[in-house]
Amino acid sequence: MVKNKKKIAVILLPTFNEKDNIERFVNEVLEQEAKSPGWQYEILLVDSHSTDRTEKIAKKLAAKISSIHFYSVDRGLGVGLIKGH
């Protein structure tokens, strides 16, 4: 049995035109992780072909922070949720 192994929580964020919110959201999630001993958070940003700079920002965050992952899907909130799961 492995002791002191962290539990993993995956936070799924479907996005569409969230350039003004995405960095703040990610930072708030990471702040919560710091307050959650024993947990490791993985953030999955699922973008539905945003027409603003959301995809570029999400990819930049994923490249900078190893616990952030990016996935691009066809348009639609349902598509983002289904593919993200």
N, C-alpha and C. Protein backbone atom coordinates (compact mmCIF):
# COMPACT_ATOMS: atom_id res chain seq x y z
N MET A 1 0.83 -1.17 0.00
CA MET A 1 0.00 0.00 0.00
C MET A 1 0.88 1.25 0.00
N VAL A 2 0.55 2.19 -0.87
CA VAL A 2 1.32 3.42 -0.99
C VAL A 2 0.75 4.46 -0.03
N LYS A 3 1.62 5.00 0.82
CA LYS A 3 1.18 6.03 1.76
C LYS A 3 1.52 7.41 1.20
N ASN A 4 0.77 8.40 1.66
CA ASN A 4 0.99 9.79 1.28
C ASN A 4 0.78 10.05 -0.20
N LYS A 5 0.01 9.22 -0.85
CA LYS A 5 -0.29 9.45 -2.26
C LYS A 5 -1.46 10.42 -2.35
N LYS A 6 -1.32 11.42 -3.18
CA LYS A 6 -2.37 12.43 -3.32
C LYS A 6 -3.53 11.90 -4.15
N LYS A 7 -4.71 12.36 -3.82
CA LYS A 7 -5.89 12.09 -4.63
C LYS A 7 -5.90 13.13 -5.75
N ILE A 8 -6.41 12.74 -6.90
CA ILE A 8 -6.43 13.65 -8.05
C ILE A 8 -7.86 14.06 -8.35
N ALA A 9 -8.06 15.36 -8.52
CA ALA A 9 -9.35 15.92 -8.95
C ALA A 9 -9.13 16.59 -10.30
N VAL A 10 -9.99 16.26 -11.25
CA VAL A 10 -9.90 16.89 -12.57
C VAL A 10 -11.02 17.93 -12.66
N ILE A 11 -10.63 19.16 -12.90
CA ILE A 11 -11.59 20.24 -13.04
C ILE A 11 -11.76 20.49 -14.52
N LEU A 12 -12.97 20.24 -15.01
CA LEU A 12 -13.28 20.38 -16.43
C LEU A 12 -13.89 21.76 -16.66
N LEU A 13 -13.28 22.53 -17.55
CA LEU A 13 -13.80 23.85 -17.88
C LEU A 13 -14.05 23.94 -19.38
N PRO A 14 -15.30 23.78 -19.81
CA PRO A 14 -15.61 24.02 -21.22
C PRO A 14 -15.62 25.54 -21.45
N THR A 15 -14.97 25.98 -22.52
CA THR A 15 -14.85 27.42 -22.76
C THR A 15 -15.33 27.80 -24.16
N PHE A 16 -15.83 29.01 -24.25
CA PHE A 16 -16.12 29.66 -25.53
C PHE A 16 -16.09 31.16 -25.27
N ASN A 17 -15.13 31.81 -25.88
CA ASN A 17 -14.94 33.26 -25.73
C ASN A 17 -14.83 33.67 -24.26
N GLU A 18 -13.85 33.09 -23.59
CA GLU A 18 -13.62 33.35 -22.16
C GLU A 18 -12.30 34.06 -21.91
N LYS A 19 -11.82 34.82 -22.89
CA LYS A 19 -10.50 35.44 -22.75
C LYS A 19 -10.40 36.34 -21.52
N ASP A 20 -11.51 36.94 -21.12
CA ASP A 20 -11.49 37.84 -19.97
C ASP A 20 -11.56 37.11 -18.64
N ASN A 21 -11.89 35.81 -18.66
CA ASN A 21 -12.12 35.06 -17.42
C ASN A 21 -11.16 33.90 -17.18
N ILE A 22 -10.58 33.38 -18.22
CA ILE A 22 -9.90 32.08 -18.11
C ILE A 22 -8.70 32.10 -17.16
N GLU A 23 -7.88 33.12 -17.22
CA GLU A 23 -6.71 33.16 -16.34
C GLU A 23 -7.13 33.31 -14.88
N ARG A 24 -8.12 34.14 -14.62
CA ARG A 24 -8.61 34.32 -13.26
C ARG A 24 -9.18 33.01 -12.72
N PHE A 25 -9.96 32.31 -13.55
CA PHE A 25 -10.54 31.04 -13.14
C PHE A 25 -9.43 30.04 -12.78
N VAL A 26 -8.47 29.90 -13.64
CA VAL A 26 -7.36 28.96 -13.41
C VAL A 26 -6.64 29.31 -12.11
N ASN A 27 -6.37 30.59 -11.90
CA ASN A 27 -5.69 31.01 -10.67
C ASN A 27 -6.52 30.70 -9.43
N GLU A 28 -7.82 30.90 -9.51
CA GLU A 28 -8.69 30.60 -8.37
C GLU A 28 -8.71 29.09 -8.08
N VAL A 29 -8.71 28.27 -9.11
CA VAL A 29 -8.67 26.82 -8.91
C VAL A 29 -7.35 26.43 -8.25
N LEU A 30 -6.26 26.98 -8.73
CA LEU A 30 -4.95 26.66 -8.16
C LEU A 30 -4.84 27.14 -6.71
N GLU A 31 -5.49 28.26 -6.37
CA GLU A 31 -5.51 28.71 -4.99
C GLU A 31 -6.25 27.71 -4.10
N GLN A 32 -7.33 27.15 -4.61
CA GLN A 32 -8.08 26.15 -3.86
C GLN A 32 -7.26 24.88 -3.66
N GLU A 33 -6.48 24.52 -4.66
CA GLU A 33 -5.62 23.34 -4.52
C GLU A 33 -4.65 23.54 -3.36
N ALA A 34 -4.12 24.74 -3.24
CA ALA A 34 -3.18 25.03 -2.16
C ALA A 34 -3.84 24.88 -0.79
N LYS A 35 -5.16 25.03 -0.74
CA LYS A 35 -5.90 24.90 0.51
C LYS A 35 -6.46 23.49 0.71
N SER A 36 -6.10 22.57 -0.17
CA SER A 36 -6.64 21.21 -0.13
C SER A 36 -5.53 20.18 0.03
N PRO A 37 -5.03 20.02 1.26
CA PRO A 37 -3.94 19.05 1.47
C PRO A 37 -4.35 17.65 1.06
N GLY A 38 -3.45 16.96 0.43
CA GLY A 38 -3.71 15.59 0.00
C GLY A 38 -4.34 15.50 -1.38
N TRP A 39 -4.62 16.64 -2.00
CA TRP A 39 -5.25 16.65 -3.33
C TRP A 39 -4.33 17.30 -4.36
N GLN A 40 -4.37 16.75 -5.54
CA GLN A 40 -3.69 17.31 -6.70
C GLN A 40 -4.76 17.64 -7.73
N TYR A 41 -4.77 18.87 -8.21
CA TYR A 41 -5.77 19.30 -9.19
C TYR A 41 -5.17 19.27 -10.59
N GLU A 42 -5.93 18.74 -11.51
CA GLU A 42 -5.61 18.79 -12.93
C GLU A 42 -6.75 19.58 -13.59
N ILE A 43 -6.42 20.55 -14.40
CA ILE A 43 -7.43 21.39 -15.04
C ILE A 43 -7.46 21.05 -16.52
N LEU A 44 -8.64 20.70 -17.01
CA LEU A 44 -8.82 20.40 -18.43
C LEU A 44 -9.64 21.52 -19.05
N LEU A 45 -8.99 22.33 -19.87
CA LEU A 45 -9.65 23.42 -20.59
C LEU A 45 -10.09 22.87 -21.94
N VAL A 46 -11.39 22.84 -22.18
CA VAL A 46 -11.95 22.30 -23.42
C VAL A 46 -12.59 23.46 -24.18
N ASP A 47 -11.98 23.87 -25.26
CA ASP A 47 -12.46 25.04 -25.99
C ASP A 47 -13.23 24.65 -27.25
N SER A 48 -14.33 25.37 -27.47
CA SER A 48 -15.21 25.12 -28.61
C SER A 48 -14.98 26.16 -29.71
N HIS A 49 -13.77 26.23 -30.20
CA HIS A 49 -13.40 27.15 -31.29
C HIS A 49 -13.79 28.59 -30.99
N SER A 50 -13.30 29.11 -29.86
CA SER A 50 -13.57 30.50 -29.50
C SER A 50 -13.13 31.44 -30.60
N THR A 51 -13.87 32.51 -30.73
CA THR A 51 -13.53 33.51 -31.76
C THR A 51 -12.69 34.64 -31.18
N ASP A 52 -12.50 34.64 -29.87
CA ASP A 52 -11.60 35.60 -29.26
C ASP A 52 -10.25 34.90 -29.03
N ARG A 53 -9.47 35.34 -28.09
CA ARG A 53 -8.13 34.76 -27.87
C ARG A 53 -8.11 33.65 -26.82
N THR A 54 -9.26 33.09 -26.48
CA THR A 54 -9.33 32.07 -25.42
C THR A 54 -8.40 30.90 -25.71
N GLU A 55 -8.44 30.37 -26.92
CA GLU A 55 -7.61 29.21 -27.25
C GLU A 55 -6.14 29.52 -27.07
N LYS A 56 -5.70 30.67 -27.53
CA LYS A 56 -4.29 31.05 -27.41
C LYS A 56 -3.88 31.16 -25.93
N ILE A 57 -4.73 31.78 -25.14
CA ILE A 57 -4.44 31.92 -23.71
C ILE A 57 -4.42 30.55 -23.03
N ALA A 58 -5.38 29.69 -23.35
CA ALA A 58 -5.45 28.36 -22.76
C ALA A 58 -4.20 27.54 -23.11
N LYS A 59 -3.79 27.59 -24.35
CA LYS A 59 -2.59 26.85 -24.76
C LYS A 59 -1.34 27.39 -24.05
N LYS A 60 -1.28 28.69 -23.86
CA LYS A 60 -0.15 29.30 -23.16
C LYS A 60 -0.11 28.83 -21.71
N LEU A 61 -1.28 28.80 -21.06
CA LEU A 61 -1.36 28.32 -19.68
C LEU A 61 -0.94 26.86 -19.59
N ALA A 62 -1.40 26.04 -20.54
CA ALA A 62 -1.07 24.62 -20.54
C ALA A 62 0.43 24.39 -20.76
N ALA A 63 1.04 25.23 -21.56
CA ALA A 63 2.48 25.10 -21.80
C ALA A 63 3.30 25.51 -20.57
N LYS A 64 2.75 26.42 -19.80
CA LYS A 64 3.46 26.96 -18.63
C LYS A 64 3.25 26.14 -17.36
N ILE A 65 2.05 25.57 -17.21
CA ILE A 65 1.70 24.87 -15.97
C ILE A 65 1.35 23.42 -16.31
N SER A 66 2.12 22.48 -15.78
CA SER A 66 1.96 21.08 -16.18
C SER A 66 0.63 20.45 -15.77
N SER A 67 -0.07 21.04 -14.82
CA SER A 67 -1.35 20.48 -14.39
C SER A 67 -2.53 21.02 -15.19
N ILE A 68 -2.24 21.82 -16.21
CA ILE A 68 -3.29 22.35 -17.08
C ILE A 68 -3.17 21.68 -18.44
N HIS A 69 -4.31 21.25 -18.94
CA HIS A 69 -4.35 20.54 -20.22
C HIS A 69 -5.36 21.23 -21.14
N PHE A 70 -5.09 21.21 -22.43
CA PHE A 70 -5.96 21.87 -23.40
C PHE A 70 -6.47 20.87 -24.41
N TYR A 71 -7.75 21.02 -24.76
CA TYR A 71 -8.39 20.15 -25.75
C TYR A 71 -9.36 21.01 -26.56
N SER A 72 -9.26 20.95 -27.86
CA SER A 72 -10.15 21.71 -28.75
C SER A 72 -11.21 20.77 -29.31
N VAL A 73 -12.48 21.23 -29.28
CA VAL A 73 -13.60 20.42 -29.77
C VAL A 73 -14.48 21.26 -30.69
N ASP A 74 -15.43 20.58 -31.35
CA ASP A 74 -16.41 21.30 -32.16
C ASP A 74 -17.23 22.21 -31.26
N ARG A 75 -17.94 23.12 -31.88
CA ARG A 75 -18.73 24.10 -31.12
C ARG A 75 -19.84 23.45 -30.31
N GLY A 76 -20.05 24.04 -29.13
CA GLY A 76 -21.18 23.64 -28.31
C GLY A 76 -20.78 23.23 -26.91
N LEU A 77 -21.53 23.74 -25.92
CA LEU A 77 -21.26 23.40 -24.53
C LEU A 77 -21.36 21.90 -24.30
N GLY A 78 -22.39 21.30 -24.87
CA GLY A 78 -22.57 19.84 -24.71
C GLY A 78 -21.39 19.08 -25.25
N VAL A 79 -20.88 19.51 -26.39
CA VAL A 79 -19.73 18.85 -27.00
C VAL A 79 -18.52 18.96 -26.09
N GLY A 80 -18.29 20.15 -25.53
CA GLY A 80 -17.17 20.35 -24.62
C GLY A 80 -17.27 19.49 -23.39
N LEU A 81 -18.47 19.38 -22.82
CA LEU A 81 -18.64 18.56 -21.62
C LEU A 81 -18.47 17.07 -21.93
N ILE A 82 -19.08 16.62 -23.02
CA ILE A 82 -19.01 15.19 -23.37
C ILE A 82 -17.57 14.80 -23.72
N LYS A 83 -16.93 15.55 -24.59
CA LYS A 83 -15.56 15.23 -24.99
C LYS A 83 -14.59 15.37 -23.81
N GLY A 84 -14.84 16.34 -22.95
CA GLY A 84 -13.99 16.54 -21.78
C GLY A 84 -14.06 15.37 -20.82
N HIS A 85 -15.25 14.81 -20.68
CA HIS A 85 -15.40 13.66 -19.80
C HIS A 85 -14.78 12.44 -20.42
